[in-house]
Structure formats: C-alpha cells, structure tokens
Protein backbone atom coordinates (compact mmCIF):
# COMPACT_ATOMS: atom_id res chain seq x y z
CA MET A 1 0.00 0.00 0.00
CA LYS A 2 1.27 3.41 -0.87
CA LEU A 3 2.17 5.78 1.93
CA THR A 4 -0.27 8.50 0.79
CA GLU A 5 -3.21 6.06 0.84
CA ARG A 6 -2.26 4.85 4.33
CA ILE A 7 -2.25 8.45 5.64
CA LYS A 8 -5.71 9.05 4.14
CA GLN A 9 -7.07 5.93 5.88
CA LEU A 10 -5.70 7.03 9.25
CA ALA A 11 -7.22 10.50 8.81
CA LEU A 12 -10.61 9.01 7.97
CA LYS A 13 -10.37 6.71 11.01
CA ASN A 14 -9.64 9.65 13.33
CA GLU A 15 -12.58 11.60 11.89
CA ASP A 16 -14.88 8.60 12.47
CA SER A 17 -13.54 8.18 16.02
CA THR A 18 -14.23 11.82 16.88
CA GLU A 19 -17.72 11.67 15.48
CA THR A 20 -18.43 8.34 17.18
CA HIS A 21 -17.02 9.43 20.60
CA PRO A 22 -17.82 13.11 21.19
CA TRP A 23 -17.63 12.49 24.96
CA LEU A 24 -13.84 12.39 24.64
CA TRP A 25 -13.79 16.18 24.57
CA ALA A 26 -16.03 16.30 27.64
CA ARG A 27 -13.68 13.94 29.45
CA LEU A 28 -10.73 16.14 28.57
CA PHE A 29 -12.56 19.22 29.85
CA ILE A 30 -13.60 17.54 33.13
CA SER A 31 -10.09 16.21 33.70
CA GLY A 32 -8.65 19.67 33.15
CA ALA A 33 -11.17 21.21 35.53
CA ILE A 34 -10.34 18.65 38.23
CA ILE A 35 -6.63 19.37 37.87
CA VAL A 36 -7.29 23.11 38.23
CA VAL A 37 -9.47 22.57 41.31
CA VAL A 38 -6.83 20.32 42.93
CA LEU A 39 -4.10 22.87 42.24
CA LEU A 40 -6.21 25.68 43.69
CA ALA A 41 -6.97 23.55 46.76
CA CYS A 42 -3.26 22.84 47.27
CA VAL A 43 -2.40 26.52 46.94
CA SER A 44 -5.16 27.52 49.36
CA LEU A 45 -4.04 24.91 51.91
CA ILE A 46 -0.52 26.31 51.75
CA TRP A 47 -2.01 29.80 51.99
CA VAL A 48 -4.05 28.94 55.09
CA TYR A 49 -1.91 26.46 57.01
CA ALA A 50 1.71 26.35 55.84
CA ALA A 51 2.54 30.03 55.34
CA PRO A 52 -0.34 32.25 56.52
CA LYS A 53 1.88 35.24 57.35
CA LEU A 54 3.38 35.19 53.86
CA PHE A 55 0.04 36.13 52.35
CA GLY A 56 -1.04 38.64 55.00
CA GLU A 57 -4.57 40.00 54.86
CA ARG A 58 -5.48 37.98 51.76
CA GLY A 59 -4.76 34.76 53.60
CA ALA A 60 -6.81 35.98 56.56
CA ALA A 61 -9.73 36.76 54.24
CA ILE A 62 -9.66 33.23 52.81
CA ARG A 63 -9.62 31.72 56.30
CA GLN A 64 -12.57 33.85 57.39
CA HIS A 65 -14.86 33.24 54.45
CA LEU A 66 -14.22 29.58 53.63
CA PRO A 67 -14.92 26.73 56.08
CA TYR A 68 -11.31 25.81 56.79
CA PRO A 69 -10.98 23.87 60.08
CA LEU A 70 -9.03 25.50 62.88
CA VAL A 71 -9.74 22.81 65.49
CA TYR A 72 -10.97 19.26 64.94
CA ILE A 73 -12.43 17.34 67.90
CA ALA A 74 -12.81 13.70 66.95
CA PRO A 75 -15.16 12.42 65.89
CA GLY A 76 -16.74 15.03 63.69
CA ARG A 77 -16.72 18.31 65.65
CA VAL A 78 -15.06 21.26 63.92
CA ILE A 79 -14.31 24.85 64.83
CA THR A 80 -13.60 26.81 61.67
CA TYR A 81 -11.39 29.85 61.18
CA GLY A 82 -14.56 31.77 60.35
CA ASP A 83 -16.19 30.87 63.69
CA PHE A 84 -13.04 31.87 65.54
CA THR A 85 -12.68 35.15 63.64
CA GLU A 86 -16.27 36.11 64.43
CA ASN A 87 -15.85 35.35 68.13
CA THR A 88 -12.58 37.27 68.42
CA ARG A 89 -14.17 40.21 66.61
CA ALA A 90 -16.94 40.20 69.23
CA VAL A 91 -14.38 40.06 72.06
CA LYS A 92 -12.51 43.04 70.65
CA GLN A 93 -15.72 45.02 70.11
CA PHE A 94 -16.83 44.29 73.69
CA TYR A 95 -13.68 45.77 75.24
CA GLN A 96 -13.57 48.70 72.87
CA ASN A 97 -17.15 49.64 73.77
CA GLN A 98 -16.63 49.55 77.54
CA ASP A 99 -16.14 52.80 79.41
CA PHE A 100 -13.37 52.16 81.93
CA SER A 101 -12.61 55.84 82.54
CA GLY A 102 -14.64 55.88 85.73
CA ILE A 103 -12.26 53.40 87.36
CA GLY A 104 -9.12 54.85 85.81
CA LEU A 105 -8.51 52.00 83.37
CA ARG A 106 -8.04 51.90 79.62
CA VAL A 107 -7.91 49.18 76.97
CA ASP A 108 -5.99 50.03 73.80
CA PHE A 109 -5.42 47.31 71.20
CA THR A 110 -3.64 49.57 68.70
CA THR A 111 -0.23 49.56 70.42
CA GLU A 112 2.24 46.68 70.19
CA GLU A 113 1.54 45.88 73.83
CA GLY A 114 -2.20 46.07 73.19
CA LYS A 115 -1.95 43.70 70.23
CA LYS A 116 -0.23 41.08 72.39
CA ARG A 117 -2.84 41.52 75.10
CA LEU A 118 -5.55 40.99 72.51
CA LEU A 119 -3.84 37.77 71.36
CA VAL A 120 -4.14 36.46 74.93
CA ARG A 121 -7.85 37.25 74.98
CA GLN A 122 -8.33 35.66 71.56
CA LYS A 123 -6.67 32.45 72.73
CA GLU A 124 -9.00 32.34 75.72
CA ALA A 125 -11.95 32.79 73.35
CA LEU A 126 -10.73 29.74 71.41
CA ASN A 127 -10.47 27.72 74.63
CA LYS A 128 -14.06 28.67 75.45
CA MET A 129 -15.17 27.53 72.01
CA ILE A 130 -13.44 24.18 72.49
CA GLU A 131 -14.98 23.82 75.94
CA ASP A 132 -18.45 24.50 74.52
CA GLN A 133 -17.93 21.80 71.89
CA ALA A 134 -16.70 19.43 74.60
CA LEU A 135 -19.81 20.11 76.70
CA MET A 136 -22.05 19.23 73.76
CA LYS A 137 -20.00 16.13 72.94
CA ILE A 138 -20.16 14.81 76.53
CA ALA A 139 -23.86 15.61 76.71
CA GLU A 140 -24.48 13.74 73.46
CA GLU A 141 -22.61 10.70 74.80
CA ASN A 142 -24.89 10.73 77.86
CA GLY A 143 -28.10 11.14 75.86
CA ILE A 144 -28.55 14.78 76.91
CA THR A 145 -29.99 17.27 74.43
CA VAL A 146 -31.07 20.90 74.46
CA THR A 147 -34.11 21.42 72.28
CA GLU A 148 -34.70 24.49 70.18
CA GLU A 149 -37.64 25.41 72.39
CA ALA A 150 -35.49 25.09 75.53
CA ALA A 151 -32.92 27.43 73.96
CA HIS A 152 -35.66 29.94 73.08
CA GLU A 153 -36.94 29.75 76.66
CA GLY A 154 -33.40 30.37 77.91
CA VAL A 155 -33.26 33.54 75.82
CA ARG A 156 -36.62 34.66 77.22
CA ARG A 157 -35.34 34.17 80.77
CA SER A 158 -32.25 36.22 79.95
CA LEU A 159 -34.42 39.01 78.59
CA ASP A 160 -36.47 39.01 81.81
CA GLU A 161 -33.29 39.02 83.92
CA TYR A 162 -31.36 41.74 82.14
CA GLY A 163 -34.10 44.13 81.08
CA THR A 164 -36.50 44.77 78.26
CA SER A 165 -36.13 42.97 74.95
CA ASP A 166 -35.22 46.18 73.14
CA GLN A 167 -32.65 47.10 75.78
CA VAL A 168 -30.95 43.69 75.69
CA GLN A 169 -30.93 43.58 71.90
CA ASN A 170 -29.42 47.07 71.73
CA ASP A 171 -26.73 46.08 74.25
CA LEU A 172 -25.91 42.91 72.32
CA LYS A 173 -25.61 44.88 69.10
CA ARG A 174 -23.49 47.62 70.66
CA LEU A 175 -21.18 45.44 72.73
CA TYR A 176 -20.82 42.36 70.53
CA GLY A 177 -22.42 43.07 67.17
CA TRP A 178 -24.83 40.17 67.83
CA GLU A 179 -28.48 39.53 67.13
CA LEU A 180 -30.59 37.49 69.59
CA ALA A 181 -30.12 34.36 67.46
CA THR A 182 -26.34 34.65 67.82
CA PHE A 183 -26.69 35.18 71.57
CA GLU A 184 -28.79 32.02 71.75
CA GLU A 185 -26.25 30.00 69.77
CA LYS A 186 -23.06 31.22 71.43
CA ILE A 187 -24.13 31.85 75.02
CA VAL A 188 -27.52 30.42 75.97
CA THR A 189 -27.29 26.96 74.39
CA PRO A 190 -23.80 26.10 75.77
CA GLN A 191 -24.93 27.38 79.19
CA LEU A 192 -27.95 25.05 79.12
CA TYR A 193 -25.72 22.11 78.22
CA GLU A 194 -23.43 23.02 81.11
CA GLU A 195 -26.37 23.16 83.56
CA LYS A 196 -27.57 19.71 82.47
CA LEU A 197 -24.07 18.25 82.75
CA GLN A 198 -23.64 19.88 86.17
CA ALA A 199 -26.76 18.02 87.31
CA LEU A 200 -25.38 14.77 85.87
CA PHE A 201 -22.05 15.38 87.62
CA ASP A 202 -23.78 16.01 90.98
CA GLU A 203 -25.80 12.83 90.60
CA GLN A 204 -22.97 10.54 89.45
CA GLU A 205 -19.97 11.90 91.33
CA LYS A 206 -21.63 13.08 94.56
CA PRO A 207 -18.75 15.58 94.90
CA ASN A 208 -19.42 16.62 98.51
CA GLU A 209 -19.66 13.23 100.17
CA LYS A 210 -16.01 12.17 100.19
CA ALA A 211 -14.79 15.61 101.30
CA LEU A 212 -17.41 15.80 104.07
CA GLU A 213 -16.58 12.30 105.29
CA GLN A 214 -12.87 13.21 105.42
CA ILE A 215 -13.38 16.47 107.32
CA ASN A 216 -15.64 14.74 109.84
CA LYS A 217 -12.87 12.22 110.51
CA ALA A 218 -10.51 15.15 111.14
CA LYS A 219 -13.05 16.78 113.45
CA GLU A 220 -13.44 13.56 115.42
CA ALA A 221 -9.66 13.19 115.74
CA LEU A 222 -9.37 16.74 117.10
CA GLU A 223 -12.21 16.17 119.55
CA LYS A 224 -10.34 13.13 120.87
CA GLY A 225 -7.36 15.34 121.66
CA GLY A 226 -5.29 14.95 118.50
CA LYS A 227 -2.73 17.67 117.81
CA PHE A 228 -3.81 20.06 115.06
CA ASP A 229 -0.56 19.62 113.12
CA ASP A 230 -0.84 15.83 113.15
CA VAL A 231 -4.51 15.88 112.14
CA ALA A 232 -3.76 18.27 109.28
CA LYS A 233 -0.95 16.04 108.02
CA GLN A 234 -3.24 13.01 108.10
CA TYR A 235 -6.49 14.40 106.74
CA SER A 236 -5.90 17.74 104.99
CA GLU A 237 -5.77 17.95 101.19
CA GLY A 238 -4.46 21.48 100.99
CA SER A 239 -1.04 22.58 99.79
CA THR A 240 -0.06 23.28 103.44
CA LYS A 241 -0.71 19.71 104.57
CA ASN A 242 2.97 18.90 105.16
CA ASP A 243 3.37 22.09 107.22
CA GLY A 244 0.67 21.02 109.64
CA GLY A 245 -1.90 23.22 107.92
CA SER A 246 -0.01 26.48 108.55
CA LEU A 247 -1.41 29.34 106.43
CA GLY A 248 0.46 32.35 107.84
CA TRP A 249 -0.87 35.84 108.60
CA PHE A 250 -4.12 37.16 107.10
CA GLN A 251 -6.62 39.95 107.35
CA VAL A 252 -10.15 38.67 107.60
CA THR A 253 -11.02 40.28 104.27
CA ASP A 254 -8.31 38.21 102.54
CA LEU A 255 -10.14 34.97 103.36
CA ALA A 256 -12.94 33.15 101.59
CA ALA A 257 -16.29 34.79 102.34
CA GLU A 258 -17.53 31.71 104.22
CA LEU A 259 -14.54 31.89 106.62
CA GLN A 260 -14.70 35.58 107.35
CA ALA A 261 -17.53 35.32 109.89
CA ALA A 262 -15.83 32.52 111.84
CA ILE A 263 -12.41 34.05 112.43
CA PRO A 264 -13.01 37.18 114.61
CA SER A 265 -15.02 35.23 117.19
CA GLN A 266 -12.67 32.25 117.24
CA VAL A 267 -10.94 31.35 120.52
CA ILE A 268 -7.17 31.42 120.02
CA GLY A 269 -5.75 27.90 119.96
CA ALA A 270 -9.15 26.20 119.55
CA PRO A 271 -10.28 24.54 116.30
CA SER A 272 -13.38 26.00 114.65
CA ALA A 273 -16.46 24.07 113.68
CA VAL A 274 -16.53 22.67 110.16
CA VAL A 275 -17.05 25.48 107.65
CA GLU A 276 -18.19 24.77 104.08
CA SER A 277 -17.00 26.90 101.15
CA ASP A 278 -17.35 26.57 97.39
CA LEU A 279 -14.02 24.76 97.33
CA GLY A 280 -14.55 22.31 100.17
CA TYR A 281 -14.63 22.00 103.96
CA HIS A 282 -12.41 23.76 106.50
CA ILE A 283 -11.50 23.51 110.15
CA VAL A 284 -9.58 26.66 111.07
CA MET A 285 -7.52 27.49 114.13
CA VAL A 286 -6.31 30.98 115.11
CA GLU A 287 -2.81 30.60 116.50
CA GLU A 288 -2.16 34.26 117.22
CA MET A 289 -3.62 37.72 116.67
CA LYS A 290 -1.94 41.13 116.36
CA LYS A 291 -2.53 44.67 115.16
CA GLU A 292 -0.37 46.14 112.45
CA ASP A 293 -0.90 49.58 110.90
CA GLY A 294 -4.31 49.66 112.53
CA LYS A 295 -5.35 46.34 110.99
CA ASP A 296 -6.25 43.09 112.76
CA LEU A 297 -4.07 40.22 111.57
CA TYR A 298 -4.55 36.53 112.33
CA ARG A 299 -2.03 33.70 112.09
CA LEU A 300 -4.01 30.69 110.92
CA LYS A 301 -3.87 26.96 110.44
CA GLN A 302 -6.45 24.82 108.70
CA VAL A 303 -7.50 21.30 107.82
CA PHE A 304 -8.99 21.40 104.35
CA THR A 305 -10.75 18.71 102.32
CA LYS A 306 -11.48 19.52 98.72
CA LYS A 307 -14.75 18.98 96.93
CA LYS A 308 -14.53 17.52 93.46
CA LEU A 309 -15.47 20.46 91.26
CA PHE A 310 -17.36 20.35 87.98
CA VAL A 311 -14.52 22.21 86.21
CA ASP A 312 -12.07 19.48 87.29
CA TRP A 313 -14.46 16.76 86.12
CA LEU A 314 -14.88 18.50 82.76
CA ALA A 315 -11.09 18.86 82.39
CA GLU A 316 -10.67 15.13 83.06
CA LYS A 317 -13.21 14.35 80.34
CA MET A 318 -11.51 16.72 77.90
CA LYS A 319 -8.13 15.06 78.49
CA THR A 320 -9.58 11.86 77.00
CA MET A 321 -10.67 13.63 73.81
CA HIS A 322 -8.70 13.71 70.58
CA VAL A 323 -8.26 17.40 69.84
CA TYR A 324 -6.26 18.56 66.82
CA VAL A 325 -5.30 22.22 66.47
CA LEU A 326 -4.51 23.00 62.83
CA SER A 327 -3.23 26.53 63.36
CA PRO A 328 0.46 27.48 63.22
CA GLU A 329 -0.08 29.86 66.15
CA TYR A 330 -1.47 27.38 68.70
CA ARG A 331 -1.05 23.84 69.97
CA TRP A 332 -3.10 21.54 72.19
CA ASN A 333 -1.74 20.98 75.69
CA HIS A 334 -3.10 17.53 76.51
CA ASP A 335 -2.08 17.64 80.18
CA GLU A 336 -3.95 20.90 80.75
CA ALA A 337 -6.73 20.19 78.22
CA ARG A 338 -6.27 23.66 76.80
CA VAL A 339 -4.91 25.47 73.77
CA GLU A 340 -1.65 27.32 74.32
CA PHE A 341 0.62 29.51 72.22
CA LYS A 342 3.34 27.76 70.24
CA SER A 343 5.55 30.80 70.71
CA GLU A 344 7.56 30.54 73.92
CA SER A 345 7.83 34.32 74.15
CA LEU A 346 4.03 34.67 74.02
CA ARG A 347 3.63 31.97 76.67
CA MET A 348 6.03 33.84 78.94
CA TYR A 349 4.28 37.13 78.20
CA GLU A 350 0.91 35.59 79.07
CA GLU A 351 2.27 34.16 82.33
CA GLU A 352 3.50 37.59 83.41
CA LEU A 353 0.24 39.18 82.35
CA TYR A 354 -1.77 36.87 84.60
CA LYS A 355 0.61 37.40 87.50
CA ASN A 356 -0.25 41.10 87.39
CA ALA A 357 -3.91 40.69 86.45
CA GLU A 358 -5.38 42.36 89.54
CA GLY A 359 -7.09 45.60 88.54
CA ASP A 360 -6.42 44.98 84.85
CA ALA A 361 -9.45 45.89 82.71
CA LEU A 362 -8.70 42.97 80.41
CA PHE A 363 -9.46 40.52 83.23
CA LEU A 364 -12.51 42.19 84.76
CA PHE A 365 -14.90 40.18 82.56
C-alpha cells in the first residue's frame, strides 16, 4: 500500500472516532477542571496552614470566608477559622465599647503591647469555644440534648433578667455586634448544656460526700485530743498539709467569704467548727492575733478537704478527647486540656500578664 493512501485511511479513522465518541472532549474538559481545582486547593491549603503570614490579609480573608478547620475534635466536631474570627471580633468590640474611665482603666489594642494583650484574649476565646464543643459532645454521649424550644426559653429568661427585649438587643448589638439568634447560639445553648451536665455530675460523682466524710474524721480526731498539726498532716488535702496546715498571717477580708464570719469570734488555739466553702470543707484554728498599721491580723492553720469540682471533672473528660489544632499559632496541651501559644515568648508574656492581672481591665470580665 502506498504511503499516501495509508495516511488518508488514518485520517478518515480519526474523523470517524471523533464523530463516534464526542464524549472524549467532555472527558478532557472535566479532567482539566479537576486538575485546576486540585491545584487551587493545594495553593489555598498552603495559603491557610503552611505560610499564613506570607500572604497577610489575603490569607486571613480566605480563612474567614471559607470553612477551613481550625480545630478538629474527633469524631466530627469542627471549629472553623470563620467561627473563631467572628468570636474574636466580638471580644474586641466588647472591650472597645466599655467605658473604663470611671475606674481609671483603659484598653488600647492599637499599640504593640495592646496587640499582644488581645492575642491572649483571643486564645481564651478559642479555649471557650473548644470547651463549649466538649460540653455538647459529653452531653451527646450521655443522651442529653437541648431542644430548640429550651434554647428559646433560655433567651426569654435572659431578657427578663437583664431588662426589656429592646434594651438587651441594643446592648448585644453595641457590645458584641450580635443579634438574639447569635446570643442564643453562642451563650444560651452552651450554658444550658453546662447546667444539664452539672446536674449529671452532681448525681454521678456526689462531689461533697467524700470531702465531708474526710473532714468529719478530722473533726473527730481533734475532739479526741489529737494535735492540730498531726490531724492536718493526716487528713488535709491542701497545699499546706505537710506544714501542719499552717497558712500564715491574714486579714479577715483576705479569706474566703464563708470563713470571714468565723475568724473574729474564734478562741485562740481552739479549732473552729466545720465550715463549708465553694471549694470544700475547712476547720480553722487561730494561732495568734496582732494589730499592724491599725489592721487586725490573724495567724491561721487549717484542715482542708477539697470537693470535686465540675470544672475538674470536665477537664478530666476533655483530656480523654482527641483534639487537633490545625493553626500554626497554637497547639493543644493535653495535660492541661487547653490550647496554648506555640511561641515561647508569648507563653512567657501571658504568664506575666496573669501574675499582674489584679485591677487589669482585660481581666474584669
């Protein structure tokens, strides 16, 4: 066969193939589109996770408007960058709309110092978001739900407690930029889950019983003539246990509210009756009293037995969860069941900030 005839046959065959299989072009188009989508996804993942600072505000805009996960709580619970951005915006707006001038305080997030202080508050907002998801997860595992009607009723109670509907809605808008529906989602519903889990905790754990039993044993030992130091070493759960319960010198106003009434009338050297506080049970003894700069000071010892608190129970539950933080700024501290900064300098800055938190407007709320 001549070469020219063979070329003509091949050309005719290709024409027939194209006419017979028009879907080949569609396949090529779909394949090309898939490749483009995959490439864009890869670029956006790098943009969001690998090098967010490289892309500045554009990267932040992508994180805010697309549902990229910031935290994943297995199985199936996600906190997105968008959720986090909205919450941190509300936190910033809240502080910027407070008038602290009456108490001589000021919050300024525009300075370098202010920006770092805001980062600390934003991290705490993320921890609260994780805690809320944990509450709902634990509730779900225990068959606990909060219905839509219950959430609506919770909002109605809040309106009755804080003022008129218009007043509350205006305050929410001014302080947080929220509508009532957002308030219900972010505040009321998690609070209802927490109340239900608190009831479950009280029923299952009976947090007061062990502490009360222990303090009563200490009381009995003291009544039988046991030395206070020895009883404290045997029964106390406080940090001063090994020192025989020695607390040092205090003004009455420095003590827990439940203890303040017992101290001034206490006979020196005699153990008090059992006093209950939010933290646990106390037997206190005044060793000595003196006046200094016109103030009454008391040198105290105590036997203390600690109640199991709901926050401790929740932390224990959260330590068993698989939490993955996908942000380059944070990491999950499993031992503390909390998010922390990856940056050592920011962790040190935060530590110092909390050491000097008294009277700081950033920690008033």
